[in-house]
């Protein structure tokens, strides 16, 4: 993992819903941010044990996902 790689941590509830996710814009709920990241980087998610997972994104990919969210809110 390089210095430009960001790890976005995800925690799921017992029912499979997204309970917590890091680097989330304040305007989005945890499930909305998970969906946005899943669409922006579908191959960069890794499921972990214990109802957890991580996205390993480059800083530029994370910035692009945030910019897309901001643009959709402005529309």
Protein backbone atom coordinates (compact mmCIF):
# COMPACT_ATOMS: atom_id res chain seq x y z
CA UNK A 1 0.00 0.00 0.00
CA UNK A 2 1.44 3.36 -1.00
CA UNK A 3 1.27 6.64 0.88
CA UNK A 4 -1.43 7.81 -1.56
CA UNK A 5 -3.75 4.93 -0.64
CA UNK A 6 -6.64 5.64 1.71
CA UNK A 7 -8.40 2.92 3.67
CA UNK A 8 -12.12 3.54 4.15
CA UNK A 9 -13.40 1.33 6.97
CA UNK A 10 -16.96 -0.03 6.87
CA UNK A 11 -18.90 -1.69 9.67
CA UNK A 12 -22.14 -3.58 9.07
CA UNK A 13 -25.03 -4.35 11.41
CA UNK A 14 -26.41 -7.85 11.97
CA UNK A 15 -29.01 -7.21 9.28
CA UNK A 16 -26.34 -6.33 6.69
CA UNK A 17 -26.98 -2.59 6.74
CA UNK A 18 -24.04 -0.18 6.79
CA UNK A 19 -23.74 1.21 10.32
CA UNK A 20 -20.47 3.15 10.10
CA UNK A 21 -18.15 4.19 7.29
CA UNK A 22 -15.14 6.48 7.48
CA UNK A 23 -14.44 9.61 5.42
CA UNK A 24 -18.20 10.10 4.96
CA UNK A 25 -19.44 13.50 3.81
CA UNK A 26 -21.80 14.96 6.42
CA UNK A 27 -24.61 15.22 3.89
CA UNK A 28 -24.75 11.44 3.28
CA UNK A 29 -25.95 8.58 5.43
CA UNK A 30 -23.60 5.59 5.85
CA UNK A 31 -25.52 3.47 3.28
CA UNK A 32 -25.50 6.35 0.75
CA UNK A 33 -21.73 6.82 1.08
CA UNK A 34 -21.16 3.06 0.77
CA UNK A 35 -23.23 3.04 -2.43
CA UNK A 36 -21.31 6.03 -3.84
CA UNK A 37 -17.96 4.35 -3.14
CA UNK A 38 -19.20 1.02 -4.52
CA UNK A 39 -20.14 2.74 -7.77
CA UNK A 40 -16.90 4.73 -7.95
CA UNK A 41 -14.57 1.83 -7.14
CA UNK A 42 -16.39 -1.53 -7.29
CA UNK A 43 -13.20 -3.59 -7.49
CA UNK A 44 -11.46 -1.89 -4.56
CA UNK A 45 -13.64 -3.22 -1.74
CA UNK A 46 -12.49 -6.09 0.48
CA UNK A 47 -14.87 -7.89 2.82
CA UNK A 48 -13.43 -8.75 6.21
CA UNK A 49 -14.67 -10.96 9.02
CA UNK A 50 -16.87 -9.72 11.84
CA UNK A 51 -19.17 -7.55 9.75
CA UNK A 52 -16.41 -5.29 8.51
CA UNK A 53 -14.82 -4.30 5.23
CA UNK A 54 -12.47 -1.75 3.66
CA UNK A 55 -12.16 0.20 0.46
CA UNK A 56 -8.55 0.80 -0.59
CA UNK A 57 -8.70 3.89 -2.75
CA UNK A 58 -6.13 6.25 -4.12
CA UNK A 59 -6.50 9.78 -2.78
CA UNK A 60 -7.51 10.94 -6.26
CA UNK A 61 -10.25 8.28 -6.45
CA UNK A 62 -11.61 9.33 -3.06
CA UNK A 63 -11.55 12.99 -4.09
CA UNK A 64 -13.38 12.13 -7.31
CA UNK A 65 -16.08 10.22 -5.39
CA UNK A 66 -16.55 13.19 -3.04
CA UNK A 67 -16.70 15.62 -5.98
CA UNK A 68 -19.38 13.49 -7.64
CA UNK A 69 -21.45 13.60 -4.44
CA UNK A 70 -21.09 17.38 -4.21
CA UNK A 71 -22.03 17.79 -7.88
CA UNK A 72 -25.15 15.63 -7.49
CA UNK A 73 -26.21 17.64 -4.44
CA UNK A 74 -25.81 20.90 -6.35
CA UNK A 75 -28.00 19.67 -9.21
